[in-house]
N, C-alpha and C. Protein backbone atom coordinates (compact mmCIF):
# COMPACT_ATOMS: atom_id res chain seq x y z
N MET A 1 95.05 -13.23 25.77
CA MET A 1 94.53 -13.44 27.12
C MET A 1 94.60 -14.94 27.45
N PRO A 2 94.98 -15.31 28.67
CA PRO A 2 94.99 -16.72 29.04
C PRO A 2 93.59 -17.29 29.05
N ASP A 3 93.49 -18.59 28.83
CA ASP A 3 92.20 -19.25 28.85
C ASP A 3 91.64 -19.20 30.26
N GLU A 4 90.31 -19.28 30.35
CA GLU A 4 89.64 -19.28 31.65
C GLU A 4 90.12 -20.43 32.51
N ASP A 5 90.23 -20.21 33.80
CA ASP A 5 90.63 -21.24 34.74
C ASP A 5 89.65 -22.41 34.66
N PRO A 6 90.11 -23.60 34.25
CA PRO A 6 89.19 -24.74 34.10
C PRO A 6 88.43 -25.06 35.38
N SER A 7 89.06 -24.79 36.53
CA SER A 7 88.41 -25.13 37.80
C SER A 7 87.18 -24.29 38.05
N LYS A 8 87.05 -23.14 37.33
CA LYS A 8 85.93 -22.25 37.55
C LYS A 8 84.82 -22.43 36.52
N ARG A 9 85.02 -23.31 35.56
CA ARG A 9 84.02 -23.53 34.55
C ARG A 9 82.89 -24.41 35.09
N ALA A 10 81.70 -24.15 34.59
CA ALA A 10 80.57 -25.01 34.95
C ALA A 10 80.79 -26.39 34.35
N ILE A 11 80.36 -27.42 35.07
CA ILE A 11 80.44 -28.78 34.54
C ILE A 11 79.40 -28.92 33.44
N ARG A 12 79.83 -29.38 32.28
CA ARG A 12 78.92 -29.52 31.15
C ARG A 12 78.51 -30.98 30.98
N SER A 13 77.35 -31.17 30.38
CA SER A 13 76.82 -32.52 30.20
C SER A 13 77.25 -33.13 28.88
N PHE A 14 78.15 -32.46 28.16
CA PHE A 14 78.58 -32.96 26.87
C PHE A 14 80.06 -32.66 26.68
N VAL A 15 80.65 -33.37 25.74
CA VAL A 15 82.01 -33.09 25.30
C VAL A 15 81.94 -32.73 23.82
N ARG A 16 82.51 -31.62 23.45
CA ARG A 16 82.47 -31.22 22.04
C ARG A 16 83.37 -32.14 21.23
N ARG A 17 82.75 -32.83 20.25
CA ARG A 17 83.49 -33.69 19.35
C ARG A 17 83.68 -32.96 18.03
N GLY A 18 84.90 -33.06 17.50
CA GLY A 18 85.16 -32.37 16.24
C GLY A 18 84.21 -32.82 15.16
N GLY A 19 84.24 -34.12 14.85
CA GLY A 19 83.31 -34.65 13.88
C GLY A 19 83.46 -34.02 12.50
N ARG A 20 84.02 -34.74 11.56
CA ARG A 20 84.23 -34.18 10.23
C ARG A 20 82.89 -34.05 9.51
N LEU A 21 82.66 -32.89 8.93
CA LEU A 21 81.44 -32.65 8.17
C LEU A 21 81.56 -33.25 6.79
N THR A 22 80.50 -33.90 6.34
CA THR A 22 80.44 -34.33 4.95
C THR A 22 80.21 -33.10 4.08
N PRO A 23 80.50 -33.20 2.78
CA PRO A 23 80.21 -32.07 1.90
C PRO A 23 78.74 -31.65 1.95
N SER A 24 77.84 -32.62 2.07
CA SER A 24 76.42 -32.31 2.14
C SER A 24 76.08 -31.54 3.41
N GLN A 25 76.68 -31.95 4.54
CA GLN A 25 76.43 -31.27 5.81
C GLN A 25 77.00 -29.85 5.78
N ARG A 26 78.19 -29.70 5.21
CA ARG A 26 78.79 -28.37 5.11
C ARG A 26 77.93 -27.45 4.25
N HIS A 27 77.44 -28.00 3.12
CA HIS A 27 76.57 -27.20 2.26
C HIS A 27 75.31 -26.78 3.00
N ALA A 28 74.74 -27.72 3.77
CA ALA A 28 73.51 -27.41 4.51
C ALA A 28 73.73 -26.28 5.50
N ILE A 29 74.85 -26.33 6.23
CA ILE A 29 75.12 -25.27 7.20
C ILE A 29 75.32 -23.93 6.50
N ASP A 30 76.05 -23.94 5.38
CA ASP A 30 76.29 -22.69 4.66
C ASP A 30 75.00 -22.13 4.04
N ALA A 31 74.19 -23.02 3.47
CA ALA A 31 73.03 -22.58 2.71
C ALA A 31 71.76 -22.41 3.55
N TYR A 32 71.57 -23.28 4.56
CA TYR A 32 70.28 -23.33 5.24
C TYR A 32 70.29 -22.77 6.66
N TRP A 33 71.48 -22.67 7.26
CA TRP A 33 71.51 -22.08 8.61
C TRP A 33 70.92 -20.68 8.63
N PRO A 34 71.19 -19.82 7.66
CA PRO A 34 70.56 -18.49 7.68
C PRO A 34 69.03 -18.55 7.64
N LEU A 35 68.46 -19.64 7.14
CA LEU A 35 67.01 -19.78 7.06
C LEU A 35 66.41 -20.38 8.32
N TYR A 36 67.11 -21.35 8.91
CA TYR A 36 66.52 -22.13 10.01
C TYR A 36 67.32 -22.06 11.31
N GLY A 37 68.44 -21.37 11.32
CA GLY A 37 69.27 -21.31 12.50
C GLY A 37 69.03 -20.05 13.31
N ILE A 38 69.20 -20.16 14.62
CA ILE A 38 69.11 -19.03 15.54
C ILE A 38 70.41 -18.96 16.31
N GLU A 39 71.08 -17.83 16.24
CA GLU A 39 72.33 -17.64 16.98
C GLU A 39 72.05 -17.50 18.46
N PHE A 40 72.98 -18.02 19.28
CA PHE A 40 72.85 -17.87 20.72
C PHE A 40 72.91 -16.40 21.09
N GLN A 41 71.99 -15.96 21.93
CA GLN A 41 71.90 -14.55 22.32
C GLN A 41 71.04 -14.47 23.57
N HIS A 42 70.92 -13.28 24.10
CA HIS A 42 70.04 -13.06 25.25
C HIS A 42 68.62 -12.86 24.74
N GLY A 43 67.77 -13.82 25.01
CA GLY A 43 66.40 -13.77 24.54
C GLY A 43 66.28 -14.29 23.12
N LEU A 44 65.10 -14.78 22.80
CA LEU A 44 64.86 -15.27 21.44
C LEU A 44 64.54 -14.11 20.52
N PRO A 45 64.99 -14.19 19.27
CA PRO A 45 64.55 -13.20 18.29
C PRO A 45 63.10 -13.45 17.93
N ALA A 46 62.54 -12.61 17.08
CA ALA A 46 61.16 -12.82 16.63
C ALA A 46 61.05 -14.17 15.94
N LEU A 47 60.07 -14.95 16.37
CA LEU A 47 59.85 -16.28 15.81
C LEU A 47 58.66 -16.24 14.85
N PRO A 48 58.60 -17.21 13.92
CA PRO A 48 57.44 -17.26 13.03
C PRO A 48 56.15 -17.35 13.83
N GLY A 49 55.13 -16.66 13.37
CA GLY A 49 53.86 -16.64 14.08
C GLY A 49 52.89 -17.68 13.55
N GLY A 50 51.73 -17.74 14.18
CA GLY A 50 50.68 -18.62 13.72
C GLY A 50 50.70 -20.02 14.30
N PHE A 51 51.59 -20.27 15.26
CA PHE A 51 51.68 -21.61 15.86
C PHE A 51 50.98 -21.62 17.22
N LYS A 52 50.38 -22.76 17.54
CA LYS A 52 49.61 -22.87 18.77
C LYS A 52 50.48 -23.17 19.99
N SER A 53 51.67 -23.73 19.76
CA SER A 53 52.52 -24.09 20.90
C SER A 53 53.98 -24.03 20.52
N LEU A 54 54.83 -23.94 21.53
CA LEU A 54 56.28 -23.88 21.36
C LEU A 54 56.90 -25.03 22.13
N LYS A 55 57.67 -25.88 21.42
CA LYS A 55 58.25 -27.07 22.02
C LYS A 55 59.75 -27.10 21.74
N VAL A 56 60.52 -27.58 22.69
CA VAL A 56 61.97 -27.61 22.59
C VAL A 56 62.48 -29.02 22.78
N GLU A 57 63.33 -29.48 21.85
CA GLU A 57 64.05 -30.74 22.05
C GLU A 57 65.49 -30.42 22.38
N ILE A 58 65.97 -30.96 23.48
CA ILE A 58 67.34 -30.76 23.95
C ILE A 58 68.19 -31.93 23.49
N GLY A 59 69.23 -31.64 22.72
CA GLY A 59 70.11 -32.68 22.23
C GLY A 59 69.46 -33.47 21.10
N ILE A 60 69.38 -32.89 19.91
CA ILE A 60 68.62 -33.51 18.83
C ILE A 60 69.40 -34.61 18.11
N GLY A 61 70.71 -34.74 18.37
CA GLY A 61 71.50 -35.73 17.65
C GLY A 61 71.52 -35.42 16.17
N ASN A 62 71.07 -36.36 15.35
CA ASN A 62 70.94 -36.12 13.92
C ASN A 62 69.63 -35.46 13.53
N GLY A 63 68.77 -35.26 14.51
CA GLY A 63 67.52 -34.56 14.24
C GLY A 63 66.38 -35.44 13.79
N ASP A 64 66.55 -36.76 13.81
CA ASP A 64 65.51 -37.65 13.29
C ASP A 64 64.20 -37.51 14.06
N ALA A 65 64.27 -37.50 15.39
CA ALA A 65 63.05 -37.37 16.18
C ALA A 65 62.42 -36.00 15.99
N LEU A 66 63.25 -34.97 15.95
CA LEU A 66 62.76 -33.61 15.77
C LEU A 66 62.01 -33.48 14.44
N ILE A 67 62.61 -34.00 13.38
CA ILE A 67 61.98 -33.92 12.06
C ILE A 67 60.65 -34.68 12.06
N HIS A 68 60.64 -35.87 12.65
CA HIS A 68 59.42 -36.67 12.71
C HIS A 68 58.32 -35.92 13.46
N MET A 69 58.64 -35.36 14.61
CA MET A 69 57.63 -34.68 15.41
C MET A 69 57.12 -33.43 14.70
N ALA A 70 58.03 -32.65 14.15
CA ALA A 70 57.62 -31.41 13.49
C ALA A 70 56.79 -31.68 12.25
N ALA A 71 57.13 -32.72 11.49
CA ALA A 71 56.39 -33.04 10.28
C ALA A 71 54.97 -33.51 10.58
N ASN A 72 54.77 -34.07 11.77
CA ASN A 72 53.46 -34.59 12.14
C ASN A 72 52.72 -33.69 13.12
N ASP A 73 53.24 -32.50 13.33
CA ASP A 73 52.64 -31.56 14.28
C ASP A 73 52.87 -30.15 13.76
N ARG A 74 52.24 -29.83 12.65
CA ARG A 74 52.50 -28.56 11.97
C ARG A 74 51.96 -27.35 12.72
N ASP A 75 51.12 -27.58 13.72
CA ASP A 75 50.60 -26.46 14.50
C ASP A 75 51.55 -25.99 15.59
N SER A 76 52.64 -26.75 15.81
CA SER A 76 53.62 -26.40 16.84
C SER A 76 54.92 -25.93 16.20
N LEU A 77 55.56 -24.97 16.85
CA LEU A 77 56.90 -24.54 16.45
C LEU A 77 57.91 -25.28 17.33
N TYR A 78 58.89 -25.93 16.69
CA TYR A 78 59.89 -26.71 17.40
C TYR A 78 61.25 -26.02 17.36
N LEU A 79 61.88 -25.93 18.52
CA LEU A 79 63.26 -25.47 18.62
C LEU A 79 64.12 -26.68 18.95
N GLY A 80 65.14 -26.95 18.16
CA GLY A 80 66.07 -28.04 18.43
C GLY A 80 67.41 -27.49 18.87
N VAL A 81 67.92 -28.00 19.99
CA VAL A 81 69.17 -27.52 20.55
C VAL A 81 70.22 -28.62 20.45
N GLU A 82 71.36 -28.32 19.87
CA GLU A 82 72.42 -29.30 19.66
C GLU A 82 73.76 -28.58 19.55
N VAL A 83 74.84 -29.24 19.96
CA VAL A 83 76.16 -28.61 19.90
C VAL A 83 77.02 -29.17 18.78
N HIS A 84 76.68 -30.33 18.24
CA HIS A 84 77.55 -31.00 17.27
C HIS A 84 77.15 -30.67 15.84
N GLU A 85 78.10 -30.14 15.07
CA GLU A 85 77.81 -29.63 13.74
C GLU A 85 77.33 -30.70 12.75
N PRO A 86 77.90 -31.92 12.74
CA PRO A 86 77.39 -32.91 11.78
C PRO A 86 75.90 -33.17 11.94
N GLY A 87 75.42 -33.28 13.17
CA GLY A 87 74.00 -33.47 13.41
C GLY A 87 73.18 -32.28 12.95
N ILE A 88 73.70 -31.08 13.21
CA ILE A 88 73.03 -29.86 12.75
C ILE A 88 72.92 -29.88 11.23
N GLY A 89 74.02 -30.24 10.56
CA GLY A 89 74.03 -30.26 9.11
C GLY A 89 73.02 -31.24 8.53
N ARG A 90 72.98 -32.44 9.09
CA ARG A 90 72.03 -33.43 8.61
C ARG A 90 70.60 -32.97 8.83
N CYS A 91 70.33 -32.41 10.00
CA CYS A 91 68.99 -31.95 10.31
C CYS A 91 68.57 -30.82 9.37
N LEU A 92 69.48 -29.90 9.09
CA LEU A 92 69.17 -28.80 8.17
C LEU A 92 68.81 -29.33 6.79
N ASN A 93 69.53 -30.34 6.33
CA ASN A 93 69.21 -30.93 5.03
C ASN A 93 67.79 -31.46 5.00
N ASN A 94 67.39 -32.13 6.08
CA ASN A 94 66.05 -32.72 6.12
C ASN A 94 64.97 -31.66 6.29
N ILE A 95 65.26 -30.62 7.07
CA ILE A 95 64.31 -29.51 7.19
C ILE A 95 64.03 -28.92 5.82
N HIS A 96 65.10 -28.66 5.08
CA HIS A 96 64.94 -28.05 3.76
C HIS A 96 64.26 -29.01 2.78
N LYS A 97 64.64 -30.27 2.83
CA LYS A 97 64.04 -31.26 1.93
C LYS A 97 62.53 -31.35 2.12
N LEU A 98 62.08 -31.32 3.38
CA LEU A 98 60.66 -31.44 3.69
C LEU A 98 59.94 -30.09 3.76
N GLN A 99 60.73 -29.02 3.59
CA GLN A 99 60.17 -27.66 3.64
C GLN A 99 59.36 -27.44 4.92
N LEU A 100 60.02 -27.75 6.05
CA LEU A 100 59.37 -27.58 7.35
C LEU A 100 59.56 -26.14 7.82
N ASN A 101 58.49 -25.41 7.88
CA ASN A 101 58.59 -24.02 8.34
C ASN A 101 58.42 -23.89 9.84
N ASN A 102 58.25 -25.03 10.52
CA ASN A 102 58.01 -25.00 11.96
C ASN A 102 59.17 -25.55 12.78
N VAL A 103 60.39 -25.43 12.26
CA VAL A 103 61.58 -25.89 12.97
C VAL A 103 62.65 -24.81 12.92
N ARG A 104 63.28 -24.57 14.06
CA ARG A 104 64.44 -23.70 14.14
C ARG A 104 65.48 -24.39 15.02
N LEU A 105 66.76 -24.19 14.71
CA LEU A 105 67.85 -24.84 15.44
C LEU A 105 68.72 -23.82 16.15
N ILE A 106 69.23 -24.23 17.30
CA ILE A 106 70.16 -23.42 18.08
C ILE A 106 71.38 -24.29 18.37
N LYS A 107 72.57 -23.84 17.98
CA LYS A 107 73.79 -24.62 18.21
C LYS A 107 74.50 -24.05 19.44
N HIS A 108 74.14 -24.59 20.59
CA HIS A 108 74.74 -24.09 21.84
C HIS A 108 74.38 -25.04 22.97
N ASP A 109 75.03 -24.85 24.10
CA ASP A 109 74.76 -25.60 25.32
C ASP A 109 73.31 -25.37 25.76
N ALA A 110 72.56 -26.45 25.92
CA ALA A 110 71.14 -26.34 26.23
C ALA A 110 70.89 -25.65 27.57
N VAL A 111 71.74 -25.88 28.55
CA VAL A 111 71.55 -25.25 29.85
C VAL A 111 71.62 -23.74 29.70
N GLU A 112 72.59 -23.25 28.94
CA GLU A 112 72.71 -21.81 28.75
C GLU A 112 71.58 -21.26 27.89
N VAL A 113 71.10 -22.07 26.95
CA VAL A 113 69.93 -21.65 26.18
C VAL A 113 68.73 -21.46 27.10
N LEU A 114 68.50 -22.42 28.00
CA LEU A 114 67.39 -22.29 28.94
C LEU A 114 67.58 -21.09 29.86
N GLN A 115 68.80 -20.85 30.26
CA GLN A 115 69.08 -19.75 31.18
C GLN A 115 68.89 -18.39 30.53
N GLN A 116 69.29 -18.25 29.28
CA GLN A 116 69.43 -16.92 28.69
C GLN A 116 68.51 -16.63 27.51
N MET A 117 67.90 -17.65 26.92
CA MET A 117 67.11 -17.40 25.71
C MET A 117 65.62 -17.66 25.88
N ILE A 118 65.24 -18.51 26.81
CA ILE A 118 63.85 -18.94 26.92
C ILE A 118 63.12 -18.13 28.00
N ASP A 119 62.01 -17.52 27.63
CA ASP A 119 61.21 -16.75 28.59
C ASP A 119 60.54 -17.68 29.60
N ALA A 120 60.27 -17.13 30.76
CA ALA A 120 59.57 -17.90 31.79
C ALA A 120 58.17 -18.26 31.32
N SER A 121 57.75 -19.48 31.65
CA SER A 121 56.41 -19.98 31.34
C SER A 121 56.04 -19.80 29.87
N SER A 122 56.98 -20.16 28.98
CA SER A 122 56.74 -19.97 27.55
C SER A 122 56.67 -21.27 26.77
N LEU A 123 57.09 -22.39 27.35
CA LEU A 123 57.18 -23.63 26.60
C LEU A 123 56.01 -24.57 26.91
N ASP A 124 55.52 -25.22 25.87
CA ASP A 124 54.43 -26.18 26.02
C ASP A 124 54.93 -27.60 26.22
N ARG A 125 56.17 -27.87 25.81
CA ARG A 125 56.75 -29.20 26.03
C ARG A 125 58.26 -29.10 25.90
N ILE A 126 58.96 -29.85 26.75
CA ILE A 126 60.41 -30.01 26.63
C ILE A 126 60.69 -31.49 26.44
N LEU A 127 61.58 -31.79 25.51
CA LEU A 127 61.88 -33.18 25.15
C LEU A 127 63.36 -33.43 25.35
N LEU A 128 63.67 -34.51 26.04
CA LEU A 128 65.05 -34.90 26.30
C LEU A 128 65.17 -36.39 26.04
N PHE A 129 65.59 -36.74 24.83
CA PHE A 129 65.65 -38.13 24.42
C PHE A 129 67.08 -38.65 24.40
N PHE A 130 67.33 -39.68 25.19
CA PHE A 130 68.60 -40.39 25.22
C PHE A 130 69.81 -39.46 25.44
N PRO A 131 69.75 -38.69 26.54
CA PRO A 131 70.92 -37.87 26.87
C PRO A 131 72.10 -38.76 27.25
N ASP A 132 73.29 -38.23 27.13
CA ASP A 132 74.49 -38.99 27.49
C ASP A 132 74.33 -39.50 28.92
N PRO A 133 74.40 -40.81 29.15
CA PRO A 133 74.17 -41.34 30.50
C PRO A 133 75.35 -41.17 31.44
N TRP A 134 76.53 -40.85 30.87
CA TRP A 134 77.73 -40.75 31.72
C TRP A 134 77.70 -41.88 32.75
N HIS A 135 77.81 -43.11 32.23
CA HIS A 135 77.49 -44.28 33.04
C HIS A 135 78.49 -44.58 34.15
N LYS A 136 79.73 -44.10 34.02
CA LYS A 136 80.68 -44.33 35.11
C LYS A 136 80.33 -43.43 36.29
N LYS A 137 80.39 -43.99 37.48
CA LYS A 137 79.93 -43.26 38.66
C LYS A 137 80.66 -41.93 38.84
N ARG A 138 81.94 -41.91 38.52
CA ARG A 138 82.69 -40.66 38.70
C ARG A 138 82.26 -39.57 37.72
N HIS A 139 81.51 -39.98 36.69
CA HIS A 139 81.03 -39.01 35.70
C HIS A 139 79.57 -38.61 35.90
N HIS A 140 78.91 -39.16 36.91
CA HIS A 140 77.50 -38.87 37.11
C HIS A 140 77.26 -37.37 37.29
N LYS A 141 78.25 -36.65 37.78
CA LYS A 141 78.09 -35.20 37.97
C LYS A 141 77.89 -34.48 36.64
N ARG A 142 78.20 -35.14 35.53
CA ARG A 142 78.01 -34.54 34.21
C ARG A 142 76.61 -34.75 33.65
N ARG A 143 75.84 -35.59 34.26
CA ARG A 143 74.49 -35.83 33.76
C ARG A 143 73.68 -34.54 33.78
N ILE A 144 72.94 -34.31 32.71
CA ILE A 144 72.24 -33.03 32.57
C ILE A 144 71.10 -32.87 33.57
N VAL A 145 70.46 -33.97 33.95
CA VAL A 145 69.32 -33.87 34.86
C VAL A 145 69.81 -33.79 36.29
N ASP A 146 69.68 -32.60 36.86
CA ASP A 146 70.07 -32.37 38.25
C ASP A 146 69.19 -31.24 38.78
N GLN A 147 69.50 -30.75 39.97
CA GLN A 147 68.68 -29.70 40.58
C GLN A 147 68.63 -28.45 39.70
N ARG A 148 69.77 -28.04 39.17
CA ARG A 148 69.80 -26.84 38.32
C ARG A 148 68.91 -27.03 37.10
N PHE A 149 68.99 -28.19 36.47
CA PHE A 149 68.20 -28.46 35.29
C PHE A 149 66.71 -28.43 35.62
N ARG A 150 66.32 -29.07 36.73
CA ARG A 150 64.91 -29.07 37.11
C ARG A 150 64.40 -27.65 37.36
N ASP A 151 65.22 -26.82 37.98
CA ASP A 151 64.83 -25.43 38.21
C ASP A 151 64.62 -24.69 36.90
N LEU A 152 65.50 -24.92 35.93
CA LEU A 152 65.37 -24.26 34.63
C LEU A 152 64.14 -24.77 33.88
N ILE A 153 63.90 -26.07 33.95
CA ILE A 153 62.73 -26.66 33.31
C ILE A 153 61.45 -26.09 33.91
N HIS A 154 61.42 -26.02 35.22
CA HIS A 154 60.24 -25.49 35.90
C HIS A 154 59.99 -24.05 35.50
N LEU A 155 61.03 -23.27 35.38
CA LEU A 155 60.88 -21.86 35.00
C LEU A 155 60.38 -21.72 33.57
N ALA A 156 60.87 -22.57 32.67
CA ALA A 156 60.56 -22.42 31.24
C ALA A 156 59.18 -22.93 30.86
N LEU A 157 58.70 -23.98 31.53
CA LEU A 157 57.42 -24.58 31.16
C LEU A 157 56.24 -23.73 31.60
N LYS A 158 55.18 -23.77 30.80
CA LYS A 158 53.92 -23.20 31.23
C LYS A 158 53.30 -24.11 32.30
N PRO A 159 52.47 -23.59 33.19
CA PRO A 159 51.74 -24.48 34.10
C PRO A 159 50.92 -25.49 33.29
N GLY A 160 51.01 -26.74 33.65
CA GLY A 160 50.31 -27.79 32.94
C GLY A 160 51.10 -28.35 31.76
N ALA A 161 52.26 -27.77 31.45
CA ALA A 161 53.10 -28.27 30.36
C ALA A 161 54.01 -29.38 30.88
N THR A 162 54.61 -30.12 29.96
CA THR A 162 55.25 -31.39 30.31
C THR A 162 56.68 -31.48 29.82
N ILE A 163 57.53 -32.12 30.63
CA ILE A 163 58.83 -32.56 30.18
C ILE A 163 58.76 -34.07 29.93
N HIS A 164 59.25 -34.49 28.76
CA HIS A 164 59.26 -35.90 28.38
C HIS A 164 60.70 -36.31 28.20
N MET A 165 61.13 -37.32 28.95
CA MET A 165 62.49 -37.82 28.90
C MET A 165 62.47 -39.29 28.51
N ALA A 166 63.53 -39.73 27.85
CA ALA A 166 63.66 -41.15 27.51
C ALA A 166 65.13 -41.53 27.59
N THR A 167 65.40 -42.74 28.07
CA THR A 167 66.77 -43.24 28.17
C THR A 167 66.77 -44.75 28.06
N ASP A 168 67.91 -45.29 27.62
CA ASP A 168 68.06 -46.75 27.58
C ASP A 168 69.03 -47.22 28.66
N TRP A 169 69.28 -46.38 29.65
CA TRP A 169 70.11 -46.74 30.80
C TRP A 169 69.23 -46.77 32.04
N GLN A 170 69.03 -47.95 32.61
CA GLN A 170 68.08 -48.11 33.70
C GLN A 170 68.43 -47.25 34.91
N ASP A 171 69.71 -47.20 35.28
CA ASP A 171 70.04 -46.44 36.48
C ASP A 171 69.84 -44.95 36.27
N TYR A 172 69.99 -44.48 35.01
CA TYR A 172 69.73 -43.07 34.73
C TYR A 172 68.22 -42.82 34.77
N ALA A 173 67.44 -43.76 34.24
CA ALA A 173 65.99 -43.63 34.32
C ALA A 173 65.54 -43.55 35.78
N GLU A 174 66.11 -44.40 36.62
CA GLU A 174 65.76 -44.40 38.03
C GLU A 174 66.16 -43.08 38.69
N SER A 175 67.34 -42.56 38.33
CA SER A 175 67.80 -41.30 38.89
C SER A 175 66.90 -40.14 38.48
N MET A 176 66.56 -40.07 37.19
CA MET A 176 65.70 -38.99 36.71
C MET A 176 64.33 -39.07 37.34
N ALA A 177 63.78 -40.29 37.38
CA ALA A 177 62.46 -40.46 37.96
C ALA A 177 62.43 -40.04 39.43
N GLN A 178 63.44 -40.47 40.18
CA GLN A 178 63.48 -40.14 41.60
C GLN A 178 63.53 -38.64 41.81
N GLN A 179 64.34 -37.96 41.02
CA GLN A 179 64.46 -36.51 41.18
C GLN A 179 63.13 -35.81 40.96
N PHE A 180 62.42 -36.19 39.90
CA PHE A 180 61.15 -35.52 39.60
C PHE A 180 60.03 -35.99 40.53
N LEU A 181 60.07 -37.26 40.93
CA LEU A 181 59.05 -37.75 41.86
C LEU A 181 59.13 -37.04 43.20
N GLU A 182 60.32 -36.64 43.59
CA GLU A 182 60.52 -35.97 44.87
C GLU A 182 60.36 -34.46 44.77
N ASP A 183 60.11 -33.95 43.56
CA ASP A 183 59.97 -32.51 43.35
C ASP A 183 58.48 -32.17 43.28
N GLU A 184 57.96 -31.52 44.30
CA GLU A 184 56.52 -31.26 44.39
C GLU A 184 56.02 -30.29 43.32
N ARG A 185 56.93 -29.68 42.58
CA ARG A 185 56.52 -28.75 41.52
C ARG A 185 56.07 -29.49 40.26
N PHE A 186 56.29 -30.82 40.22
CA PHE A 186 55.96 -31.62 39.04
C PHE A 186 55.03 -32.77 39.41
N ASP A 187 54.12 -33.08 38.48
CA ASP A 187 53.16 -34.17 38.67
C ASP A 187 53.54 -35.32 37.76
N ASN A 188 53.68 -36.51 38.32
CA ASN A 188 54.05 -37.71 37.58
C ASN A 188 52.91 -38.15 36.66
N GLN A 189 53.23 -38.36 35.38
CA GLN A 189 52.23 -38.83 34.42
C GLN A 189 52.31 -40.34 34.18
N GLY A 190 53.22 -41.00 34.89
CA GLY A 190 53.42 -42.42 34.67
C GLY A 190 52.99 -43.27 35.84
N ASN A 191 53.58 -44.46 35.92
CA ASN A 191 53.27 -45.37 37.02
C ASN A 191 54.04 -44.96 38.28
N ALA A 192 54.02 -45.81 39.27
CA ALA A 192 54.65 -45.46 40.55
C ALA A 192 56.15 -45.21 40.40
N ASP A 193 56.76 -45.81 39.38
CA ASP A 193 58.18 -45.60 39.13
C ASP A 193 58.44 -44.45 38.17
N GLY A 194 57.39 -43.79 37.72
CA GLY A 194 57.53 -42.67 36.81
C GLY A 194 57.53 -43.03 35.34
N HIS A 195 57.35 -44.30 35.02
CA HIS A 195 57.46 -44.74 33.62
C HIS A 195 56.13 -44.64 32.90
N VAL A 196 56.18 -44.25 31.63
CA VAL A 196 55.01 -44.22 30.77
C VAL A 196 55.30 -45.02 29.51
N GLU A 197 54.26 -45.44 28.83
CA GLU A 197 54.43 -46.05 27.52
C GLU A 197 54.90 -44.98 26.53
N ARG A 198 55.72 -45.39 25.59
CA ARG A 198 56.22 -44.43 24.60
C ARG A 198 55.06 -43.80 23.85
N PRO A 199 54.94 -42.46 23.90
CA PRO A 199 53.88 -41.81 23.12
C PRO A 199 54.13 -41.98 21.62
N ASP A 200 53.06 -41.95 20.85
CA ASP A 200 53.18 -42.14 19.41
C ASP A 200 54.04 -41.08 18.74
N TYR A 201 54.09 -39.89 19.32
CA TYR A 201 54.84 -38.82 18.66
C TYR A 201 56.35 -39.03 18.74
N ARG A 202 56.82 -39.87 19.69
CA ARG A 202 58.26 -40.13 19.75
C ARG A 202 58.60 -41.34 18.89
N PRO A 203 59.33 -41.15 17.80
CA PRO A 203 59.67 -42.30 16.96
C PRO A 203 60.74 -43.16 17.61
N GLN A 204 60.75 -44.42 17.27
CA GLN A 204 61.83 -45.31 17.69
C GLN A 204 63.00 -45.18 16.73
N THR A 205 64.18 -44.97 17.27
CA THR A 205 65.36 -44.92 16.42
C THR A 205 65.78 -46.33 16.04
N ARG A 206 66.60 -46.44 15.00
CA ARG A 206 67.12 -47.75 14.60
C ARG A 206 67.96 -48.37 15.73
N PHE A 207 68.72 -47.54 16.41
CA PHE A 207 69.52 -48.01 17.54
C PHE A 207 68.61 -48.55 18.64
N GLU A 208 67.52 -47.84 18.90
CA GLU A 208 66.58 -48.27 19.93
C GLU A 208 65.90 -49.58 19.53
N GLN A 209 65.49 -49.68 18.27
CA GLN A 209 64.84 -50.91 17.80
C GLN A 209 65.78 -52.11 17.93
N ARG A 210 67.05 -51.89 17.58
CA ARG A 210 68.02 -52.97 17.72
C ARG A 210 68.18 -53.37 19.17
N GLY A 211 68.25 -52.40 20.07
CA GLY A 211 68.39 -52.69 21.48
C GLY A 211 67.20 -53.46 22.03
N LEU A 212 66.00 -53.09 21.59
CA LEU A 212 64.81 -53.79 22.05
C LEU A 212 64.81 -55.24 21.58
N ARG A 213 65.28 -55.46 20.35
CA ARG A 213 65.36 -56.84 19.85
C ARG A 213 66.34 -57.67 20.67
N LEU A 214 67.35 -57.00 21.22
CA LEU A 214 68.35 -57.69 22.03
C LEU A 214 67.93 -57.78 23.50
N GLY A 215 66.76 -57.26 23.80
CA GLY A 215 66.26 -57.34 25.16
C GLY A 215 66.64 -56.18 26.04
N HIS A 216 67.19 -55.12 25.46
CA HIS A 216 67.55 -53.95 26.25
C HIS A 216 66.29 -53.14 26.57
N GLY A 217 66.29 -52.48 27.68
CA GLY A 217 65.14 -51.69 28.08
C GLY A 217 65.23 -50.25 27.59
N VAL A 218 64.07 -49.63 27.45
CA VAL A 218 63.97 -48.20 27.18
C VAL A 218 62.90 -47.65 28.11
N TRP A 219 63.21 -46.55 28.77
CA TRP A 219 62.30 -45.98 29.74
C TRP A 219 61.91 -44.56 29.33
N ASP A 220 60.60 -44.32 29.22
CA ASP A 220 60.06 -42.98 28.98
C ASP A 220 59.47 -42.45 30.28
N LEU A 221 59.70 -41.18 30.54
CA LEU A 221 59.19 -40.54 31.75
C LEU A 221 58.58 -39.20 31.37
N MET A 222 57.44 -38.87 31.97
CA MET A 222 56.78 -37.61 31.69
C MET A 222 56.30 -36.98 33.00
N PHE A 223 56.64 -35.70 33.17
CA PHE A 223 56.25 -34.97 34.35
C PHE A 223 55.70 -33.61 33.95
N THR A 224 54.60 -33.22 34.58
CA THR A 224 53.90 -31.99 34.25
C THR A 224 54.13 -30.94 35.33
N LYS A 225 54.36 -29.73 34.90
CA LYS A 225 54.54 -28.62 35.85
C LYS A 225 53.20 -28.33 36.54
N VAL A 226 53.20 -28.36 37.86
CA VAL A 226 51.98 -28.17 38.63
C VAL A 226 51.71 -26.69 38.86
N PHE A 227 52.73 -25.96 39.27
CA PHE A 227 52.55 -24.53 39.59
C PHE A 227 53.82 -23.78 39.28
């Protein structure tokens, strides 16, 4: 069968990179994915019980923030969504090393995960840390935060639950803030520009620390679902 007409495909916020797996990452995927991985499907399968809240991180990268948050918040179940296998492999190794029973991973497009796997009003927090800024103006249409994304976030969050975003690109921070500030379904938890101080639960990455030393900015934004 011929491939789908590219002109009819949805614009995605990521580009799939091949990325060679290390032997350790390959072993982790083979050995630990059956324990901690969730295949993309319609609706979530049965999840481990006994947790007070359900939180999702979109685009976990290598999983460092996800591991940090889950290790320090054992009462919450964390779902990490990522498309790149090397990051999945590294994260699986760390989940197994720390024996974290409150983390599950999904390797798929986050927008489709929100559309097809997450029940309405089921999430206590959504986390979006350092998404691809697509900094060239002609690529701004690829940025994940847009009207469709806000609609999906609003549907997935419980009333009173929060989306927390962070970026080191000022114009993207301004764009995200403006979109949520103008959306009456969300309440700003920050200052007039939508910015908040970094919460303790979000760790600083080495890349972020280096950028701060060089005088680069980092912007955190938090918005709560009103209704």
